[in-house]
Amino acid sequence: MEKTISVFLAFLIGFVFTMLQVGSDLDFLELPVIILNIIGLIIMVIFGGALLIRAIQLLLKND
């Protein structure tokens, strides 16, 4: 159960960082920064999705 919680926390932290990156777009409207943020967002979504799937798998396995 501890594994599932830690994986879920990692997902939440990644999600929060993604939201912070999206929020920073409003402050820095420079094209390179926006492009980097979009790339970062895509990476975070991929890793976040993978972590969420892993958390669900661990949860189902523990039951």
PDB file of N, CA and C in Angstrom:
ATOM      1  N   MET A   1       0.837  -1.203   0.000  1.00  0.00           N
ATOM      2  CA  MET A   1       0.000   0.000   0.000  1.00  0.00           C
ATOM      3  C   MET A   1       0.872   1.253   0.000  1.00  0.00           C
ATOM      4  N   GLU A   2       2.016   1.200   0.700  1.00  0.00           N
ATOM      5  CA  GLU A   2       2.901   2.368   0.746  1.00  0.00           C
ATOM      6  C   GLU A   2       3.397   2.729  -0.651  1.00  0.00           C
ATOM      7  N   LYS A   3       3.678   1.691  -1.463  1.00  0.00           N
ATOM      8  CA  LYS A   3       4.144   1.937  -2.831  1.00  0.00           C
ATOM      9  C   LYS A   3       3.104   2.724  -3.616  1.00  0.00           C
ATOM     10  N   THR A   4       1.858   2.299  -3.510  1.00  0.00           N
ATOM     11  CA  THR A   4       0.782   2.962  -4.248  1.00  0.00           C
ATOM     12  C   THR A   4       0.667   4.420  -3.843  1.00  0.00           C
ATOM     13  N   ILE A   5       0.755   4.685  -2.542  1.00  0.00           N
ATOM     14  CA  ILE A   5       0.644   6.057  -2.044  1.00  0.00           C
ATOM     15  C   ILE A   5       1.798   6.903  -2.565  1.00  0.00           C
ATOM     16  N   SER A   6       3.024   6.362  -2.523  1.00  0.00           N
ATOM     17  CA  SER A   6       4.187   7.131  -2.969  1.00  0.00           C
ATOM     18  C   SER A   6       4.118   7.405  -4.466  1.00  0.00           C
ATOM     19  N   VAL A   7       3.661   6.417  -5.237  1.00  0.00           N
ATOM     20  CA  VAL A   7       3.518   6.611  -6.683  1.00  0.00           C
ATOM     21  C   VAL A   7       2.460   7.668  -6.961  1.00  0.00           C
ATOM     22  N   PHE A   8       1.357   7.614  -6.227  1.00  0.00           N
ATOM     23  CA  PHE A   8       0.287   8.591  -6.425  1.00  0.00           C
ATOM     24  C   PHE A   8       0.756   9.992  -6.050  1.00  0.00           C
ATOM     25  N   LEU A   9       1.543  10.108  -4.971  1.00  0.00           N
ATOM     26  CA  LEU A   9       2.102  11.403  -4.575  1.00  0.00           C
ATOM     27  C   LEU A   9       3.035  11.930  -5.658  1.00  0.00           C
ATOM     28  N   ALA A  10       3.839  11.044  -6.244  1.00  0.00           N
ATOM     29  CA  ALA A  10       4.729  11.451  -7.336  1.00  0.00           C
ATOM     30  C   ALA A  10       3.911  11.990  -8.508  1.00  0.00           C
ATOM     31  N   PHE A  11       2.788  11.331  -8.802  1.00  0.00           N
ATOM     32  CA  PHE A  11       1.900  11.796  -9.868  1.00  0.00           C
ATOM     33  C   PHE A  11       1.340  13.175  -9.544  1.00  0.00           C
ATOM     34  N   LEU A  12       0.894  13.367  -8.301  1.00  0.00           N
ATOM     35  CA  LEU A  12       0.335  14.656  -7.889  1.00  0.00           C
ATOM     36  C   LEU A  12       1.375  15.760  -7.978  1.00  0.00           C
ATOM     37  N   ILE A  13       2.609  15.469  -7.546  1.00  0.00           N
ATOM     38  CA  ILE A  13       3.685  16.462  -7.608  1.00  0.00           C
ATOM     39  C   ILE A  13       3.960  16.839  -9.063  1.00  0.00           C
ATOM     40  N   GLY A  14       4.016  15.836  -9.943  1.00  0.00           N
ATOM     41  CA  GLY A  14       4.207  16.102 -11.369  1.00  0.00           C
ATOM     42  C   GLY A  14       3.087  16.951 -11.929  1.00  0.00           C
ATOM     43  N   PHE A  15       1.856  16.673 -11.504  1.00  0.00           N
ATOM     44  CA  PHE A  15       0.696  17.430 -11.973  1.00  0.00           C
ATOM     45  C   PHE A  15       0.786  18.886 -11.522  1.00  0.00           C
ATOM     46  N   VAL A  16       1.193  19.094 -10.258  1.00  0.00           N
ATOM     47  CA  VAL A  16       1.327  20.459  -9.731  1.00  0.00           C
ATOM     48  C   VAL A  16       2.391  21.228 -10.501  1.00  0.00           C
ATOM     49  N   PHE A  17       3.547  20.587 -10.764  1.00  0.00           N
ATOM     50  CA  PHE A  17       4.600  21.251 -11.530  1.00  0.00           C
ATOM     51  C   PHE A  17       4.118  21.597 -12.932  1.00  0.00           C
ATOM     52  N   THR A  18       3.315  20.709 -13.536  1.00  0.00           N
ATOM     53  CA  THR A  18       2.756  20.977 -14.859  1.00  0.00           C
ATOM     54  C   THR A  18       1.864  22.206 -14.818  1.00  0.00           C
ATOM     55  N   MET A  19       1.023  22.294 -13.794  1.00  0.00           N
ATOM     56  CA  MET A  19       0.136  23.452 -13.654  1.00  0.00           C
ATOM     57  C   MET A  19       0.942  24.734 -13.466  1.00  0.00           C
ATOM     58  N   LEU A  20       2.049  24.656 -12.713  1.00  0.00           N
ATOM     59  CA  LEU A  20       2.908  25.823 -12.512  1.00  0.00           C
ATOM     60  C   LEU A  20       3.524  26.257 -13.837  1.00  0.00           C
ATOM     61  N   GLN A  21       3.916  25.299 -14.667  1.00  0.00           N
ATOM     62  CA  GLN A  21       4.488  25.620 -15.972  1.00  0.00           C
ATOM     63  C   GLN A  21       3.452  26.303 -16.855  1.00  0.00           C
ATOM     64  N   VAL A  22       2.230  25.802 -16.838  1.00  0.00           N
ATOM     65  CA  VAL A  22       1.159  26.412 -17.631  1.00  0.00           C
ATOM     66  C   VAL A  22       0.908  27.836 -17.141  1.00  0.00           C
ATOM     67  N   GLY A  23       0.908  28.024 -15.824  1.00  0.00           N
ATOM     68  CA  GLY A  23       0.692  29.346 -15.247  1.00  0.00           C
ATOM     69  C   GLY A  23       1.787  30.319 -15.624  1.00  0.00           C
ATOM     70  N   SER A  24       3.025  29.822 -15.769  1.00  0.00           N
ATOM     71  CA  SER A  24       4.147  30.706 -16.090  1.00  0.00           C
ATOM     72  C   SER A  24       4.038  31.245 -17.517  1.00  0.00           C
ATOM     73  N   ASP A  25       3.257  30.562 -18.371  1.00  0.00           N
ATOM     74  CA  ASP A  25       3.054  31.059 -19.741  1.00  0.00           C
ATOM     75  C   ASP A  25       2.432  32.446 -19.727  1.00  0.00           C
ATOM     76  N   LEU A  26       1.605  32.730 -18.725  1.00  0.00           N
ATOM     77  CA  LEU A  26       0.921  34.013 -18.647  1.00  0.00           C
ATOM     78  C   LEU A  26       1.904  35.131 -18.316  1.00  0.00           C
ATOM     79  N   ASP A  27       2.981  34.793 -17.586  1.00  0.00           N
ATOM     80  CA  ASP A  27       3.959  35.799 -17.183  1.00  0.00           C
ATOM     81  C   ASP A  27       5.007  36.040 -18.271  1.00  0.00           C
ATOM     82  N   PHE A  28       5.456  34.963 -18.911  1.00  0.00           N
ATOM     83  CA  PHE A  28       6.525  35.072 -19.908  1.00  0.00           C
ATOM     84  C   PHE A  28       5.971  34.700 -21.277  1.00  0.00           C
ATOM     85  N   LEU A  29       5.520  35.692 -22.011  1.00  0.00           N
ATOM     86  CA  LEU A  29       4.918  35.415 -23.319  1.00  0.00           C
ATOM     87  C   LEU A  29       5.975  35.478 -24.415  1.00  0.00           C
ATOM     88  N   GLU A  30       7.111  34.833 -24.167  1.00  0.00           N
ATOM     89  CA  GLU A  30       8.155  34.740 -25.182  1.00  0.00           C
ATOM     90  C   GLU A  30       8.034  33.373 -25.842  1.00  0.00           C
ATOM     91  N   LEU A  31       8.202  33.338 -27.155  1.00  0.00           N
ATOM     92  CA  LEU A  31       7.995  32.106 -27.915  1.00  0.00           C
ATOM     93  C   LEU A  31       8.862  30.938 -27.428  1.00  0.00           C
ATOM     94  N   PRO A  32      10.181  31.113 -27.227  1.00  0.00           N
ATOM     95  CA  PRO A  32      10.994  29.960 -26.776  1.00  0.00           C
ATOM     96  C   PRO A  32      10.518  29.395 -25.441  1.00  0.00           C
ATOM     97  N   VAL A  33      10.120  30.276 -24.526  1.00  0.00           N
ATOM     98  CA  VAL A  33       9.650  29.834 -23.210  1.00  0.00           C
ATOM     99  C   VAL A  33       8.357  29.043 -23.358  1.00  0.00           C
ATOM    100  N   ILE A  34       7.451  29.540 -24.198  1.00  0.00           N
ATOM    101  CA  ILE A  34       6.178  28.851 -24.426  1.00  0.00           C
ATOM    102  C   ILE A  34       6.427  27.470 -25.038  1.00  0.00           C
ATOM    103  N   ILE A  35       7.342  27.405 -26.025  1.00  0.00           N
ATOM    104  CA  ILE A  35       7.658  26.120 -26.665  1.00  0.00           C
ATOM    105  C   ILE A  35       8.239  25.145 -25.635  1.00  0.00           C
ATOM    106  N   LEU A  36       9.175  25.637 -24.807  1.00  0.00           N
ATOM    107  CA  LEU A  36       9.766  24.778 -23.773  1.00  0.00           C
ATOM    108  C   LEU A  36       8.707  24.307 -22.787  1.00  0.00           C
ATOM    109  N   ASN A  37       7.792  25.196 -22.425  1.00  0.00           N
ATOM    110  CA  ASN A  37       6.728  24.827 -21.491  1.00  0.00           C
ATOM    111  C   ASN A  37       5.801  23.785 -22.095  1.00  0.00           C
ATOM    112  N   ILE A  38       5.505  23.912 -23.390  1.00  0.00           N
ATOM    113  CA  ILE A  38       4.646  22.926 -24.058  1.00  0.00           C
ATOM    114  C   ILE A  38       5.343  21.564 -24.070  1.00  0.00           C
ATOM    115  N   ILE A  39       6.656  21.563 -24.384  1.00  0.00           N
ATOM    116  CA  ILE A  39       7.420  20.305 -24.367  1.00  0.00           C
ATOM    117  C   ILE A  39       7.413  19.712 -22.958  1.00  0.00           C
ATOM    118  N   GLY A  40       7.654  20.572 -21.960  1.00  0.00           N
ATOM    119  CA  GLY A  40       7.627  20.116 -20.571  1.00  0.00           C
ATOM    120  C   GLY A  40       6.266  19.566 -20.184  1.00  0.00           C
ATOM    121  N   LEU A  41       5.216  20.241 -20.655  1.00  0.00           N
ATOM    122  CA  LEU A  41       3.844  19.809 -20.376  1.00  0.00           C
ATOM    123  C   LEU A  41       3.589  18.423 -20.954  1.00  0.00           C
ATOM    124  N   ILE A  42       4.008  18.217 -22.215  1.00  0.00           N
ATOM    125  CA  ILE A  42       3.822  16.918 -22.869  1.00  0.00           C
ATOM    126  C   ILE A  42       4.559  15.826 -22.089  1.00  0.00           C
ATOM    127  N   ILE A  43       5.817  16.120 -21.692  1.00  0.00           N
ATOM    128  CA  ILE A  43       6.603  15.143 -20.935  1.00  0.00           C
ATOM    129  C   ILE A  43       5.915  14.819 -19.609  1.00  0.00           C
ATOM    130  N   MET A  44       5.439  15.872 -18.913  1.00  0.00           N
ATOM    131  CA  MET A  44       4.764  15.672 -17.627  1.00  0.00           C
ATOM    132  C   MET A  44       3.494  14.835 -17.797  1.00  0.00           C
ATOM    133  N   VAL A  45       2.733  15.102 -18.861  1.00  0.00           N
ATOM    134  CA  VAL A  45       1.496  14.349 -19.100  1.00  0.00           C
ATOM    135  C   VAL A  45       1.816  12.879 -19.353  1.00  0.00           C
ATOM    136  N   ILE A  46       2.865  12.617 -20.157  1.00  0.00           N
ATOM    137  CA  ILE A  46       3.249  11.235 -20.453  1.00  0.00           C
ATOM    138  C   ILE A  46       3.673  10.514 -19.169  1.00  0.00           C
ATOM    139  N   PHE A  47       4.588  11.163 -18.396  1.00  0.00           N
ATOM    140  CA  PHE A  47       5.055  10.534 -17.157  1.00  0.00           C
ATOM    141  C   PHE A  47       3.930  10.423 -16.140  1.00  0.00           C
ATOM    142  N   GLY A  48       3.105  11.466 -16.038  1.00  0.00           N
ATOM    143  CA  GLY A  48       1.978  11.448 -15.107  1.00  0.00           C
ATOM    144  C   GLY A  48       1.006  10.332 -15.442  1.00  0.00           C
ATOM    145  N   GLY A  49       0.713  10.176 -16.725  1.00  0.00           N
ATOM    146  CA  GLY A  49      -0.179   9.108 -17.170  1.00  0.00           C
ATOM    147  C   GLY A  49       0.397   7.740 -16.856  1.00  0.00           C
ATOM    148  N   ALA A  50       1.698   7.584 -17.122  1.00  0.00           N
ATOM    149  CA  ALA A  50       2.365   6.308 -16.840  1.00  0.00           C
ATOM    150  C   ALA A  50       2.332   6.003 -15.347  1.00  0.00           C
ATOM    151  N   LEU A  51       2.575   7.024 -14.514  1.00  0.00           N
ATOM    152  CA  LEU A  51       2.551   6.829 -13.062  1.00  0.00           C
ATOM    153  C   LEU A  51       1.153   6.481 -12.577  1.00  0.00           C
ATOM    154  N   LEU A  52       0.146   7.120 -13.157  1.00  0.00           N
ATOM    155  CA  LEU A  52      -1.231   6.847 -12.754  1.00  0.00           C
ATOM    156  C   LEU A  52      -1.609   5.411 -13.104  1.00  0.00           C
ATOM    157  N   ILE A  53      -1.235   4.971 -14.309  1.00  0.00           N
ATOM    158  CA  ILE A  53      -1.504   3.589 -14.722  1.00  0.00           C
ATOM    159  C   ILE A  53      -0.788   2.617 -13.782  1.00  0.00           C
ATOM    160  N   ARG A  54       0.472   2.941 -13.448  1.00  0.00           N
ATOM    161  CA  ARG A  54       1.249   2.086 -12.540  1.00  0.00           C
ATOM    162  C   ARG A  54       0.601   2.030 -11.157  1.00  0.00           C
ATOM    163  N   ALA A  55       0.120   3.177 -10.677  1.00  0.00           N
ATOM    164  CA  ALA A  55      -0.532   3.227  -9.367  1.00  0.00           C
ATOM    165  C   ALA A  55      -1.781   2.357  -9.359  1.00  0.00           C
ATOM    166  N   ILE A  56      -2.554   2.410 -10.439  1.00  0.00           N
ATOM    167  CA  ILE A  56      -3.768   1.591 -10.542  1.00  0.00           C
ATOM    168  C   ILE A  56      -3.394   0.109 -10.566  1.00  0.00           C
ATOM    169  N   GLN A  57      -2.333  -0.236 -11.333  1.00  0.00           N
ATOM    170  CA  GLN A  57      -1.882  -1.627 -11.393  1.00  0.00           C
ATOM    171  C   GLN A  57      -1.465  -2.125 -10.011  1.00  0.00           C
ATOM    172  N   LEU A  58      -0.699  -1.295  -9.274  1.00  0.00           N
ATOM    173  CA  LEU A  58      -0.260  -1.688  -7.935  1.00  0.00           C
ATOM    174  C   LEU A  58      -1.450  -1.847  -6.998  1.00  0.00           C
ATOM    175  N   LEU A  59      -2.411  -0.945  -7.127  1.00  0.00           N
ATOM    176  CA  LEU A  59      -3.599  -0.994  -6.276  1.00  0.00           C
ATOM    177  C   LEU A  59      -4.381  -2.283  -6.536  1.00  0.00           C
ATOM    178  N   LEU A  60      -4.555  -2.632  -7.806  1.00  0.00           N
ATOM    179  CA  LEU A  60      -5.283  -3.853  -8.155  1.00  0.00           C
ATOM    180  C   LEU A  60      -4.506  -5.091  -7.708  1.00  0.00           C
ATOM    181  N   LYS A  61      -3.175  -5.036  -7.822  1.00  0.00           N
ATOM    182  CA  LYS A  61      -2.341  -6.176  -7.433  1.00  0.00           C
ATOM    183  C   LYS A  61      -2.402  -6.400  -5.921  1.00  0.00           C
ATOM    184  N   ASN A  62      -2.436  -5.306  -5.139  1.00  0.00           N
ATOM    185  CA  ASN A  62      -2.470  -5.416  -3.677  1.00  0.00           C
ATOM    186  C   ASN A  62      -3.786  -5.994  -3.183  1.00  0.00           C
ATOM    187  N   ASP A  63      -4.871  -5.748  -3.909  1.00  0.00           N
ATOM    188  CA  ASP A  63      -6.169  -6.301  -3.511  1.00  0.00           C
ATOM    189  C   ASP A  63      -6.163  -7.797  -3.788  1.00  0.00           C
TER     190      ASP A  63
END
